[in-house]
Amino acid sequence: MAKVTRDDVARLAGTSTAVVSYVINNGPRPVAPATRERVLAAIKELGYRPDRVAQAMASRRTDLIGLIVPDARQPFFGEMAHAVEQAASERGKMVLVGNSDYLDEREVHYLRAFLGMRVSGLILISQGLSENAAAEIEAWDARVVLLHERPEAIDDVAVVLDDIGGAQLAVRHLLEHGYAYVACIGGMEITPTVGDPVTDHVEGWRRAMLEAGRSTEGRLFQAPYNRYDAYKVALGLLSGPDRPPAIFCATDDQAIGVLRAARELRMEVPGELAVAGFDDVKEAGLTDPPLTTVASDRPAMARAAVDMVLDDGVRPASSRRERVRQFPSALVVRRSCGCA
């Protein structure tokens, strides 16, 4: 059976191939409603399927958005990726997802691969933008939006959360319960010192502790961001002689690991230990006890990132403030902090 072409559609609809192209691509020129209906009817009758590869070659852009995350197995990144996919679908785009596994070379690999595919734009949730990654972005002159992290290595647009303020909310709330102090489980030695959300969560903890006149000396502990390794760290911390009365975790995954360690050590939460996290992943409401945490409007952040990556009009070249959209944090109070 012969392949149906755009010429066939134009012939049946009684119009030009250019008009058929305008209908298929929804522009760049308007098409009269009656003409559009004839073209759509011809497409349906002939079973025409546009050649997306040819379209991409002609426009130098595909209907794809690239998304790079550190690890989609972690609930926060999985939920954020889903929110980005939903927002992209509203704009008629599809999403390609790559996992950097917190490795600079893998992040650069996906940057090069996705940009080489001529994606419409790229959303990057970086573990700390390296010089090589920044150079790759500059080389392609690409539309890249940083999500969940502040831009430092390059002057690009970003969608971020008030991470410091959110952490302060959680730690202040724990201290208001009357706990002598709040320990913090933060990131690792390789965690970037500037612009990284976990670093900002630790900074928020530090500020809240100092505001309350409490020392932070010896009360910050390192752990990977996942629940399994945080569980191992918590076992050692909670079984030691200087067991803290309350712990703020930089991620919900870490907090879930802490709750598991406390249960294994037969510690009552919140009776003997209070716990709070950050991210408000869906599982946070299902832990035992339910986890007090800090929430963000992920759908709104994802929609903002997609809009920024697709729309030149929201990418002003002048003001850096206008190039970075910050969303507020909100405290979600559940039982793990000591509230009824």
Protein backbone atom coordinates (compact mmCIF):
# COMPACT_ATOMS: atom_id res chain seq x y z
CA MET A 1 0.00 0.00 0.00
CA ALA A 2 1.41 3.39 -1.02
CA LYS A 3 2.32 5.80 1.75
CA VAL A 4 -0.10 8.71 2.14
CA THR A 5 1.67 12.03 1.69
CA ARG A 6 0.93 15.63 2.51
CA ASP A 7 0.29 16.20 -1.21
CA ASP A 8 -2.50 13.59 -1.08
CA VAL A 9 -4.13 15.41 1.84
CA ALA A 10 -3.86 18.78 0.07
CA ARG A 11 -5.36 17.33 -3.13
CA LEU A 12 -8.35 15.81 -1.32
CA ALA A 13 -8.93 18.93 0.79
CA GLY A 14 -8.60 21.20 -2.21
CA THR A 15 -5.86 23.32 -0.70
CA SER A 16 -2.08 23.72 -0.73
CA THR A 17 0.48 21.62 1.14
CA ALA A 18 1.47 24.77 3.04
CA VAL A 19 -2.05 25.06 4.46
CA VAL A 20 -1.96 21.38 5.43
CA SER A 21 1.30 22.09 7.26
CA TYR A 22 -0.26 25.04 9.09
CA VAL A 23 -3.11 22.83 10.28
CA ILE A 24 -0.83 20.00 11.41
CA ASN A 25 1.60 22.31 13.21
CA ASN A 26 -1.08 24.72 14.46
CA GLY A 27 0.71 27.60 12.71
CA PRO A 28 2.66 29.68 12.05
CA ARG A 29 -0.15 31.17 9.92
CA PRO A 30 -3.86 31.03 10.81
CA VAL A 31 -6.22 28.83 8.79
CA ALA A 32 -9.91 29.57 8.24
CA PRO A 33 -12.16 27.25 10.29
CA ALA A 34 -13.87 25.77 7.22
CA THR A 35 -10.54 25.06 5.54
CA ARG A 36 -9.17 23.52 8.73
CA GLU A 37 -12.17 21.19 8.91
CA ARG A 38 -11.62 20.06 5.29
CA VAL A 39 -7.95 19.34 5.99
CA LEU A 40 -8.73 17.41 9.18
CA ALA A 41 -11.41 15.41 7.38
CA ALA A 42 -8.95 14.55 4.58
CA ILE A 43 -6.33 13.49 7.14
CA LYS A 44 -8.85 11.21 8.80
CA GLU A 45 -10.16 9.75 5.55
CA LEU A 46 -6.68 9.01 4.18
CA GLY A 47 -5.20 7.89 7.51
CA TYR A 48 -2.34 10.34 7.12
CA ARG A 49 0.39 10.27 9.79
CA PRO A 50 2.82 13.23 9.87
CA ASP A 51 6.52 12.40 9.68
CA ARG A 52 7.71 13.79 13.02
CA VAL A 53 11.36 13.22 12.18
CA ALA A 54 11.07 15.27 9.01
CA GLN A 55 9.22 17.97 10.92
CA ALA A 56 11.98 18.09 13.52
CA MET A 57 14.67 18.34 10.85
CA ALA A 58 12.82 21.20 9.17
CA SER A 59 12.14 23.15 12.36
CA ARG A 60 15.34 22.05 14.16
CA ARG A 61 13.11 21.22 17.15
CA THR A 62 11.13 18.14 18.20
CA ASP A 63 8.01 17.82 20.33
CA LEU A 64 10.22 16.50 23.12
CA ILE A 65 11.38 18.01 26.40
CA GLY A 66 14.43 16.49 28.07
CA LEU A 67 14.37 15.98 31.84
CA ILE A 68 17.43 14.94 33.82
CA VAL A 69 17.00 13.89 37.45
CA PRO A 70 19.53 12.54 39.95
CA ASP A 71 17.60 9.35 40.74
CA ALA A 72 13.98 8.68 39.73
CA ARG A 73 13.82 5.83 42.26
CA GLN A 74 13.66 8.43 45.03
CA PRO A 75 10.02 9.43 45.57
CA PHE A 76 10.61 13.19 45.38
CA PHE A 77 12.25 13.01 41.95
CA GLY A 78 9.72 10.45 40.72
CA GLU A 79 6.83 12.71 41.72
CA MET A 80 8.52 15.76 40.21
CA ALA A 81 9.14 13.89 36.95
CA HIS A 82 5.47 12.93 36.81
CA ALA A 83 4.45 16.56 37.40
CA VAL A 84 6.74 17.71 34.57
CA GLU A 85 5.26 15.08 32.25
CA GLN A 86 1.73 16.24 33.07
CA ALA A 87 2.65 19.89 32.47
CA ALA A 88 4.41 19.04 29.20
CA SER A 89 1.38 17.07 28.01
CA GLU A 90 -0.77 20.17 28.52
CA ARG A 91 1.55 21.92 26.05
CA GLY A 92 1.46 19.07 23.53
CA LYS A 93 4.96 17.84 24.39
CA MET A 94 6.43 14.52 25.49
CA VAL A 95 9.23 14.03 28.03
CA LEU A 96 12.46 12.06 27.80
CA VAL A 97 13.87 11.21 31.26
CA GLY A 98 17.48 10.44 32.13
CA ASN A 99 18.95 9.53 35.53
CA SER A 100 22.33 11.06 36.34
CA ASP A 101 22.79 8.88 39.47
CA TYR A 102 24.50 11.92 41.04
CA LEU A 103 27.41 11.52 38.60
CA ASP A 104 28.71 14.55 36.70
CA GLU A 105 29.80 12.51 33.69
CA ARG A 106 26.37 10.90 33.36
CA GLU A 107 24.66 14.26 33.63
CA VAL A 108 26.86 15.57 30.81
CA HIS A 109 26.10 12.42 28.80
CA TYR A 110 22.34 13.05 28.97
CA LEU A 111 22.76 16.75 28.30
CA ARG A 112 24.71 15.97 25.12
CA ALA A 113 22.29 13.20 24.08
CA PHE A 114 19.06 15.14 24.64
CA LEU A 115 20.32 18.38 23.15
CA GLY A 116 21.63 16.41 20.18
CA MET A 117 18.09 15.13 19.64
CA ARG A 118 17.00 18.75 19.20
CA VAL A 119 14.57 18.70 22.11
CA SER A 120 12.36 21.77 22.42
CA GLY A 121 14.05 22.45 25.73
CA LEU A 122 15.61 20.75 28.70
CA ILE A 123 14.75 20.75 32.40
CA LEU A 124 17.65 19.88 34.65
CA ILE A 125 17.45 18.77 38.26
CA SER A 126 21.17 18.79 38.95
CA GLN A 127 23.18 17.48 41.87
CA GLY A 128 25.46 20.48 41.40
CA LEU A 129 26.05 21.87 37.94
CA SER A 130 29.64 21.06 36.93
CA GLU A 131 31.85 23.14 34.64
CA ASN A 132 31.56 20.42 31.98
CA ALA A 133 27.76 20.49 32.16
CA ALA A 134 27.71 24.29 31.95
CA ALA A 135 30.07 24.16 28.96
CA GLU A 136 27.83 21.63 27.21
CA ILE A 137 24.81 23.88 27.66
CA GLU A 138 26.70 26.90 26.34
CA ALA A 139 27.98 24.92 23.34
CA TRP A 140 24.46 24.01 22.23
CA ASP A 141 23.00 27.45 23.03
CA ALA A 142 20.11 25.49 24.49
CA ARG A 143 16.97 26.35 26.38
CA VAL A 144 17.69 24.90 29.80
CA VAL A 145 15.75 25.50 33.01
CA LEU A 146 17.21 24.46 36.33
CA LEU A 147 14.55 22.96 38.59
CA HIS A 148 14.92 22.56 42.35
CA GLU A 149 18.37 24.18 42.38
CA ARG A 150 19.62 27.75 42.10
CA PRO A 151 21.81 28.58 39.08
CA GLU A 152 25.38 29.40 40.02
CA ALA A 153 27.64 28.01 37.30
CA ILE A 154 25.64 29.60 34.46
CA ASP A 155 23.32 32.56 34.17
CA ASP A 156 20.20 30.64 33.30
CA VAL A 157 16.56 30.53 34.38
CA ALA A 158 15.46 28.42 37.32
CA VAL A 159 12.40 27.34 39.28
CA VAL A 160 13.23 26.90 42.95
CA LEU A 161 11.65 26.49 46.37
CA ASP A 162 12.18 28.53 49.53
CA ASP A 163 14.24 25.71 50.97
CA ILE A 164 15.85 27.69 53.78
CA GLY A 165 12.54 29.14 54.92
CA GLY A 166 10.84 25.74 54.78
CA ALA A 167 13.51 24.11 56.93
CA GLN A 168 13.24 26.94 59.43
CA LEU A 169 9.50 26.33 59.70
CA ALA A 170 10.02 22.65 60.52
CA VAL A 171 12.81 23.17 63.06
CA ARG A 172 11.03 26.06 64.81
CA HIS A 173 7.96 23.85 65.12
CA LEU A 174 9.99 21.06 66.72
CA LEU A 175 11.60 23.49 69.16
CA GLU A 176 8.18 24.89 70.09
CA HIS A 177 7.32 21.43 71.42
CA GLY A 178 9.96 22.01 74.09
CA TYR A 179 12.71 19.68 72.87
CA ALA A 180 16.12 20.70 74.22
CA TYR A 181 17.57 20.78 70.73
CA VAL A 182 17.06 19.38 67.23
CA ALA A 183 19.73 17.33 65.49
CA CYS A 184 19.97 17.41 61.69
CA ILE A 185 20.61 14.66 59.18
CA GLY A 186 21.87 16.50 56.11
CA GLY A 187 23.78 15.62 52.99
CA MET A 188 27.22 14.23 52.29
CA GLU A 189 30.70 15.62 51.76
CA ILE A 190 30.08 15.77 48.01
CA THR A 191 26.90 17.86 48.45
CA PRO A 192 27.50 21.27 46.81
CA THR A 193 27.96 24.04 49.35
CA VAL A 194 26.04 26.64 47.31
CA GLY A 195 22.64 26.45 45.65
CA ASP A 196 21.83 22.85 46.54
CA PRO A 197 18.44 22.27 48.25
CA VAL A 198 19.87 19.92 50.88
CA THR A 199 22.54 22.49 51.74
CA ASP A 200 19.75 25.07 52.09
CA HIS A 201 17.76 22.72 54.33
CA VAL A 202 20.78 22.40 56.61
CA GLU A 203 21.20 26.18 56.56
CA GLY A 204 17.54 26.61 57.56
CA TRP A 205 18.07 24.18 60.47
CA ARG A 206 21.15 26.10 61.55
CA ARG A 207 19.36 29.45 61.46
CA ALA A 208 16.37 28.18 63.45
CA MET A 209 18.65 26.66 66.08
CA LEU A 210 20.69 29.87 66.44
CA GLU A 211 17.52 31.98 66.63
CA ALA A 212 16.44 29.84 69.59
CA GLY A 213 19.86 30.14 71.24
CA ARG A 214 20.69 26.46 70.71
CA SER A 215 24.10 25.22 69.69
CA THR A 216 24.55 23.28 66.46
CA GLU A 217 27.99 21.96 67.40
CA GLY A 218 28.20 18.20 66.94
CA ARG A 219 24.53 17.96 66.03
CA LEU A 220 24.78 17.74 62.22
CA PHE A 221 25.16 14.25 60.79
CA GLN A 222 25.88 13.20 57.23
CA ALA A 223 23.85 10.61 55.35
CA PRO A 224 22.97 9.82 51.73
CA TYR A 225 19.55 11.06 50.65
CA ASN A 226 17.88 7.64 50.47
CA ARG A 227 16.05 5.86 53.28
CA TYR A 228 18.21 2.75 53.29
CA ASP A 229 21.52 4.45 54.05
CA ALA A 230 19.84 6.96 56.36
CA TYR A 231 18.42 4.02 58.30
CA LYS A 232 21.95 2.71 58.90
CA VAL A 233 23.15 6.12 60.07
CA ALA A 234 20.14 6.47 62.37
CA LEU A 235 20.75 3.07 63.97
CA GLY A 236 24.17 4.23 65.13
CA LEU A 237 22.94 7.65 66.19
CA LEU A 238 19.90 6.44 68.13
CA SER A 239 21.68 3.60 69.89
CA GLY A 240 24.51 5.87 71.11
CA PRO A 241 24.80 7.62 74.48
CA ASP A 242 24.00 11.09 73.09
CA ARG A 243 20.71 10.24 71.46
CA PRO A 244 18.96 13.43 70.29
CA PRO A 245 15.41 14.23 71.42
CA ALA A 246 14.40 15.40 67.94
CA ILE A 247 15.76 15.05 64.41
CA PHE A 248 15.15 17.18 61.33
CA CYS A 249 15.98 15.34 58.09
CA ALA A 250 16.88 17.12 54.86
CA THR A 251 14.66 14.71 52.88
CA ASP A 252 11.58 12.63 53.63
CA ASP A 253 13.42 9.54 52.44
CA GLN A 254 15.99 10.07 55.20
CA ALA A 255 13.20 10.64 57.73
CA ILE A 256 11.51 7.39 56.72
CA GLY A 257 14.84 5.63 57.34
CA VAL A 258 15.04 7.25 60.78
CA LEU A 259 11.51 6.09 61.65
CA ARG A 260 12.43 2.54 60.62
CA ALA A 261 15.56 2.61 62.82
CA ALA A 262 13.57 3.93 65.78
CA ARG A 263 11.02 1.14 65.41
CA GLU A 264 13.78 -1.46 65.28
CA LEU A 265 15.29 -0.02 68.48
CA ARG A 266 11.83 -0.05 70.11
CA MET A 267 11.80 3.72 70.51
CA GLU A 268 8.44 5.46 70.71
CA VAL A 269 7.92 8.23 68.16
CA PRO A 270 7.12 10.92 69.18
CA GLY A 271 7.28 9.89 72.85
CA GLU A 272 11.05 9.32 72.92
CA LEU A 273 12.01 10.89 69.60
CA ALA A 274 10.45 13.52 67.35
CA VAL A 275 11.10 13.44 63.60
CA ALA A 276 10.44 15.88 60.77
CA GLY A 277 11.38 15.69 57.10
CA PHE A 278 11.30 17.76 53.93
CA ASP A 279 9.51 17.19 50.58
CA ASP A 280 6.08 15.81 51.60
CA VAL A 281 6.27 12.78 49.33
CA LYS A 282 3.05 10.78 49.25
CA GLU A 283 4.48 8.12 51.57
CA ALA A 284 5.00 10.72 54.31
CA GLY A 285 1.31 10.48 55.21
CA LEU A 286 1.47 6.68 55.42
CA THR A 287 4.41 6.22 57.81
CA ASP A 288 3.86 5.14 61.40
CA PRO A 289 3.42 7.69 62.85
CA PRO A 290 2.61 9.97 59.90
CA LEU A 291 5.53 12.27 59.15
CA THR A 292 5.59 16.02 59.77
CA THR A 293 7.29 17.56 56.77
CA VAL A 294 7.66 20.55 54.44
CA ALA A 295 5.59 20.63 51.27
CA SER A 296 5.89 22.36 47.91
CA ASP A 297 3.47 22.86 45.04
CA ARG A 298 5.20 20.48 42.63
CA PRO A 299 2.58 20.73 39.86
CA ALA A 300 2.90 24.54 39.84
CA MET A 301 6.71 24.35 39.86
CA ALA A 302 6.68 21.84 37.01
CA ARG A 303 4.28 23.97 34.98
CA ALA A 304 6.47 27.02 35.52
CA ALA A 305 9.55 25.09 34.38
CA VAL A 306 7.80 23.82 31.24
CA ASP A 307 6.53 27.31 30.44
CA MET A 308 9.99 28.78 30.88
CA VAL A 309 11.63 26.17 28.69
CA LEU A 310 9.10 26.65 25.87
CA ASP A 311 8.32 30.37 25.95
CA ASP A 312 10.89 32.97 24.98
CA GLY A 313 8.66 35.65 26.44
CA VAL A 314 9.26 34.50 30.03
CA ARG A 315 13.04 34.47 29.61
CA PRO A 316 14.01 38.14 30.03
CA ALA A 317 17.71 38.79 29.53
CA SER A 318 17.95 41.74 31.91
CA SER A 319 16.94 41.01 35.50
CA ARG A 320 18.26 37.93 37.25
CA ARG A 321 15.45 38.15 39.78
CA GLU A 322 12.88 37.76 37.00
CA ARG A 323 14.79 34.77 35.63
CA VAL A 324 14.48 32.83 38.91
CA ARG A 325 10.98 31.91 40.09
CA GLN A 326 10.82 30.98 43.76
CA PHE A 327 7.85 29.13 45.22
CA PRO A 328 6.94 29.15 48.94
CA SER A 329 7.27 26.23 51.32
CA ALA A 330 4.50 25.07 53.67
CA LEU A 331 4.70 23.09 56.89
CA VAL A 332 2.55 19.95 56.97
CA VAL A 333 1.98 18.94 60.59
CA ARG A 334 1.40 15.26 61.41
CA ARG A 335 2.08 13.13 64.50
CA SER A 336 5.81 12.41 64.23
CA CYS A 337 6.68 15.85 65.69
CA GLY A 338 4.57 15.37 68.83
CA CYS A 339 1.30 16.94 67.69
CA ALA A 340 -1.87 15.02 68.43
